[in-house]
C-alpha atoms as a PDB file:
ATOM      1  CA  MET A   1     104.910  84.711  84.322  1.00  0.00           C
ATOM      2  CA  THR A   2     102.807  85.544  87.381  1.00  0.00           C
ATOM      3  CA  GLU A   3     105.318  88.220  88.389  1.00  0.00           C
ATOM      4  CA  ILE A   4     104.962  89.926  84.994  1.00  0.00           C
ATOM      5  CA  ASN A   5     101.149  89.670  85.135  1.00  0.00           C
ATOM      6  CA  ASN A   6     101.063  91.244  88.610  1.00  0.00           C
ATOM      7  CA  LEU A   7     103.404  94.037  87.531  1.00  0.00           C
ATOM      8  CA  GLU A   8     101.304  94.584  84.399  1.00  0.00           C
ATOM      9  CA  LYS A   9      98.208  95.084  86.559  1.00  0.00           C
ATOM     10  CA  VAL A  10     100.070  97.648  88.675  1.00  0.00           C
ATOM     11  CA  ILE A  11     101.432  99.474  85.623  1.00  0.00           C
ATOM     12  CA  MET A  12      98.062  99.530  83.867  1.00  0.00           C
ATOM     13  CA  GLY A  13      96.443 100.921  87.027  1.00  0.00           C
ATOM     14  CA  GLU A  14      98.884 103.832  87.192  1.00  0.00           C
ATOM     15  CA  LYS A  15      97.917 105.622  84.000  1.00  0.00           C
ATOM     16  CA  PRO A  16      97.169 109.293  84.648  1.00  0.00           C
ATOM     17  CA  ASP A  17      93.613 110.384  83.888  1.00  0.00           C
ATOM     18  CA  ARG A  18      93.283 113.842  85.492  1.00  0.00           C
ATOM     19  CA  CYS A  19      95.432 116.946  85.207  1.00  0.00           C
ATOM     20  CA  GLN A  20      97.275 117.811  88.410  1.00  0.00           C
ATOM     21  CA  ILE A  21      97.055 121.510  87.523  1.00  0.00           C
ATOM     22  CA  CYS A  22      93.362 122.013  86.710  1.00  0.00           C
ATOM     23  CA  GLY A  23      91.768 118.623  87.413  1.00  0.00           C
ATOM     24  CA  LYS A  24      90.381 118.188  83.888  1.00  0.00           C
ATOM     25  CA  ARG A  25      90.610 115.071  81.753  1.00  0.00           C
ATOM     26  CA  LEU A  26      93.855 113.962  80.100  1.00  0.00           C
ATOM     27  CA  THR A  27      93.913 112.569  76.569  1.00  0.00           C
ATOM     28  CA  TYR A  28      96.429 109.900  75.605  1.00  0.00           C
ATOM     29  CA  LYS A  29      98.638 111.075  72.735  1.00  0.00           C
ATOM     30  CA  GLY A  30     100.824 107.979  72.387  1.00  0.00           C
ATOM     31  CA  ALA A  31     104.217 106.794  73.642  1.00  0.00           C
ATOM     32  CA  GLY A  32     103.308 107.363  77.296  1.00  0.00           C
ATOM     33  CA  ARG A  33     102.318 111.016  76.766  1.00  0.00           C
ATOM     34  CA  TYR A  34      99.052 112.597  77.933  1.00  0.00           C
ATOM     35  CA  VAL A  35      97.823 116.149  77.395  1.00  0.00           C
ATOM     36  CA  CYS A  36      95.208 118.011  79.431  1.00  0.00           C
ATOM     37  CA  ASP A  37      92.109 118.845  77.377  1.00  0.00           C
ATOM     38  CA  ASN A  38      91.779 122.162  79.212  1.00  0.00           C
ATOM     39  CA  CYS A  39      95.195 123.695  79.977  1.00  0.00           C
ATOM     40  CA  GLN A  40      97.375 121.605  77.603  1.00  0.00           C
ATOM     41  CA  THR A  41      99.679 120.461  80.416  1.00  0.00           C
ATOM     42  CA  GLU A  42     101.696 117.424  79.328  1.00  0.00           C
ATOM     43  CA  VAL A  43     102.000 114.424  81.659  1.00  0.00           C
ATOM     44  CA  LEU A  44     104.166 111.350  81.142  1.00  0.00           C
ATOM     45  CA  ASP A  45     103.452 107.902  82.529  1.00  0.00           C
ATOM     46  CA  ASP A  46     106.366 105.577  83.389  1.00  0.00           C
ATOM     47  CA  PHE A  47     106.762 104.435  79.786  1.00  0.00           C
ATOM     48  CA  GLY A  48     106.794 108.057  78.616  1.00  0.00           C
ATOM     49  CA  LYS A  49     109.502 108.913  81.158  1.00  0.00           C
ATOM     50  CA  ILE A  50     111.655 105.984  79.997  1.00  0.00           C
ATOM     51  CA  LYS A  51     111.147 106.819  76.325  1.00  0.00           C
ATOM     52  CA  GLU A  52     111.878 110.519  76.818  1.00  0.00           C
ATOM     53  CA  TYR A  53     115.046 109.707  78.755  1.00  0.00           C
ATOM     54  CA  LEU A  54     116.288 107.270  76.098  1.00  0.00           C
ATOM     55  CA  ASP A  55     115.446 109.719  73.300  1.00  0.00           C
ATOM     56  CA  SER A  56     117.477 112.426  75.051  1.00  0.00           C
ATOM     57  CA  HIS A  57     120.396 110.370  76.373  1.00  0.00           C
ATOM     58  CA  GLY A  58     120.643 107.372  74.061  1.00  0.00           C
ATOM     59  CA  PRO A  59     121.333 103.809  75.231  1.00  0.00           C
ATOM     60  CA  THR A  60     121.635 103.767  79.006  1.00  0.00           C
ATOM     61  CA  PRO A  61     121.713 101.016  81.665  1.00  0.00           C
ATOM     62  CA  ALA A  62     118.408 100.413  83.457  1.00  0.00           C
ATOM     63  CA  VAL A  63     119.860 101.417  86.821  1.00  0.00           C
ATOM     64  CA  THR A  64     120.799 104.853  85.424  1.00  0.00           C
ATOM     65  CA  ILE A  65     117.365 105.284  83.827  1.00  0.00           C
ATOM     66  CA  ALA A  66     115.735 104.332  87.132  1.00  0.00           C
ATOM     67  CA  LYS A  67     117.768 106.892  89.089  1.00  0.00           C
ATOM     68  CA  ALA A  68     117.161 109.657  86.548  1.00  0.00           C
ATOM     69  CA  THR A  69     113.425 109.111  86.020  1.00  0.00           C
ATOM     70  CA  GLY A  70     112.226 107.674  89.316  1.00  0.00           C
ATOM     71  CA  VAL A  71     110.813 104.654  87.447  1.00  0.00           C
ATOM     72  CA  ASP A  72     111.778 101.457  89.266  1.00  0.00           C
ATOM     73  CA  ARG A  73     113.924  98.819  87.551  1.00  0.00           C
ATOM     74  CA  ASP A  74     111.131  96.213  87.648  1.00  0.00           C
ATOM     75  CA  THR A  75     108.991  98.517  85.516  1.00  0.00           C
ATOM     76  CA  ILE A  76     111.870  99.144  83.098  1.00  0.00           C
ATOM     77  CA  ASN A  77     112.447  95.384  82.850  1.00  0.00           C
ATOM     78  CA  TYR A  78     108.717  94.885  82.249  1.00  0.00           C
ATOM     79  CA  TYR A  79     108.882  97.172  79.205  1.00  0.00           C
ATOM     80  CA  LEU A  80     111.996  95.337  77.986  1.00  0.00           C
ATOM     81  CA  ARG A  81     110.288  91.950  78.382  1.00  0.00           C
ATOM     82  CA  LYS A  82     107.219  93.243  76.545  1.00  0.00           C
ATOM     83  CA  GLY A  83     109.378  94.583  73.708  1.00  0.00           C
ATOM     84  CA  ARG A  84     108.275  98.195  74.201  1.00  0.00           C
ATOM     85  CA  VAL A  85     111.910  99.236  74.642  1.00  0.00           C
ATOM     86  CA  GLU A  86     114.987  97.293  73.597  1.00  0.00           C
ATOM     87  CA  ILE A  87     118.640  97.057  74.470  1.00  0.00           C
ATOM     88  CA  THR A  88     120.822  98.398  71.674  1.00  0.00           C
ATOM     89  CA  GLU A  89     123.341  96.343  69.742  1.00  0.00           C
ATOM     90  CA  GLY A  90     126.793  96.424  71.276  1.00  0.00           C
ATOM     91  CA  SER A  91     125.581  96.889  74.848  1.00  0.00           C
ATOM     92  CA  LYS A  92     127.579  95.353  77.688  1.00  0.00           C
ATOM     93  CA  TYR A  93     124.359  94.003  79.202  1.00  0.00           C
ATOM     94  CA  TYR A  94     121.439  92.032  77.800  1.00  0.00           C
ATOM     95  CA  LEU A  95     118.405  90.181  79.092  1.00  0.00           C
ATOM     96  CA  ASN A  96     118.494  86.399  79.368  1.00  0.00           C
ATOM     97  CA  CYS A  97     116.045  84.072  77.648  1.00  0.00           C
ATOM     98  CA  GLU A  98     113.806  82.696  80.393  1.00  0.00           C
ATOM     99  CA  ARG A  99     114.138  79.164  79.002  1.00  0.00           C
ATOM    100  CA  CYS A 100     117.757  78.647  77.883  1.00  0.00           C
ATOM    101  CA  GLY A 101     119.517  81.702  79.352  1.00  0.00           C
ATOM    102  CA  CYS A 102     121.070  83.032  76.128  1.00  0.00           C
ATOM    103  CA  SER A 103     121.339  86.802  75.619  1.00  0.00           C
ATOM    104  CA  ILE A 104     118.434  88.669  74.043  1.00  0.00           C
ATOM    105  CA  ARG A 105     117.798  92.388  73.461  1.00  0.00           C
ATOM    106  CA  TYR A 106     114.120  92.362  74.492  1.00  0.00           C
ATOM    107  CA  GLY A 107     111.270  89.915  75.096  1.00  0.00           C
ATOM    108  CA  ARG A 108     111.172  86.816  77.260  1.00  0.00           C
ATOM    109  CA  TYR A 109     112.387  84.042  74.955  1.00  0.00           C
ATOM    110  CA  CYS A 110     114.982  83.712  72.209  1.00  0.00           C
ATOM    111  CA  PRO A 111     113.926  82.779  68.655  1.00  0.00           C
ATOM    112  CA  ASP A 112     115.239  79.201  69.069  1.00  0.00           C
ATOM    113  CA  CYS A 113     113.125  78.583  72.176  1.00  0.00           C
ATOM    114  CA  VAL A 114     110.061  80.083  70.465  1.00  0.00           C
ATOM    115  CA  ARG A 115     110.563  77.755  67.481  1.00  0.00           C
ATOM    116  CA  GLU A 116     110.937  74.792  69.844  1.00  0.00           C
ATOM    117  CA  ALA A 117     107.730  75.777  71.635  1.00  0.00           C
ATOM    118  CA  ASP A 118     105.962  76.051  68.256  1.00  0.00           C
ATOM    119  CA  ARG A 119     107.053  72.503  67.393  1.00  0.00           C
ATOM    120  CA  ARG A 120     105.559  71.332  70.692  1.00  0.00           C
ATOM    121  CA  GLY A 121     102.285  73.146  70.044  1.00  0.00           C
ATOM    122  CA  TYR A 122     102.791  76.214  72.263  1.00  0.00           C
ATOM    123  CA  SER A 123     102.788  79.739  70.908  1.00  0.00           C
ATOM    124  CA  LEU A 124     105.282  82.143  72.464  1.00  0.00           C
ATOM    125  CA  ARG A 125     105.667  84.403  69.419  1.00  0.00           C
ATOM    126  CA  ASP A 126     104.284  87.452  71.278  1.00  0.00           C
ATOM    127  CA  GLU A 127     107.098  87.070  73.811  1.00  0.00           C
ATOM    128  CA  MET A 128     109.969  86.451  71.382  1.00  0.00           C
ATOM    129  CA  GLY A 129     113.017  88.635  71.628  1.00  0.00           C
ATOM    130  CA  GLU A 130     115.981  89.123  69.371  1.00  0.00           C
ATOM    131  CA  ARG A 131     119.519  87.972  69.919  1.00  0.00           C
ATOM    132  CA  PRO A 132     122.269  90.556  69.647  1.00  0.00           C
ATOM    133  CA  ARG A 133     124.075  90.232  66.319  1.00  0.00           C
ATOM    134  CA  ARG A 134     127.498  89.839  67.867  1.00  0.00           C
ATOM    135  CA  LEU A 135     126.389  86.753  69.820  1.00  0.00           C
ATOM    136  CA  ARG A 136     124.820  84.781  66.972  1.00  0.00           C
END
């Protein structure tokens, strides 16, 4: 958990705010995309680079995305764990639930572990992932 929190602080601190072309302010347009208020230059943060790559190339292993975009694998895994991107059905590779180790497509915990935590009075719903259909 601490590792994710530290990475989150780094990622949140790396959002672009000034245009590299003219130095004016950037406005966030969503999905990791920023546009300069002055010259309309578009800038992508790490999430935007990942999303653009996946939109163009379809499902791709994290190592390939990292090589193609320059975004490190820890950052890609952060977005997977947060549910901002997900592994497609039928992939050869999945994340593992941090509690029981079963395969999940995104998030930190599988639905069964989240339900168990709920029964014990802990809420992990924000970190729940989804199991691949073929493994259910």
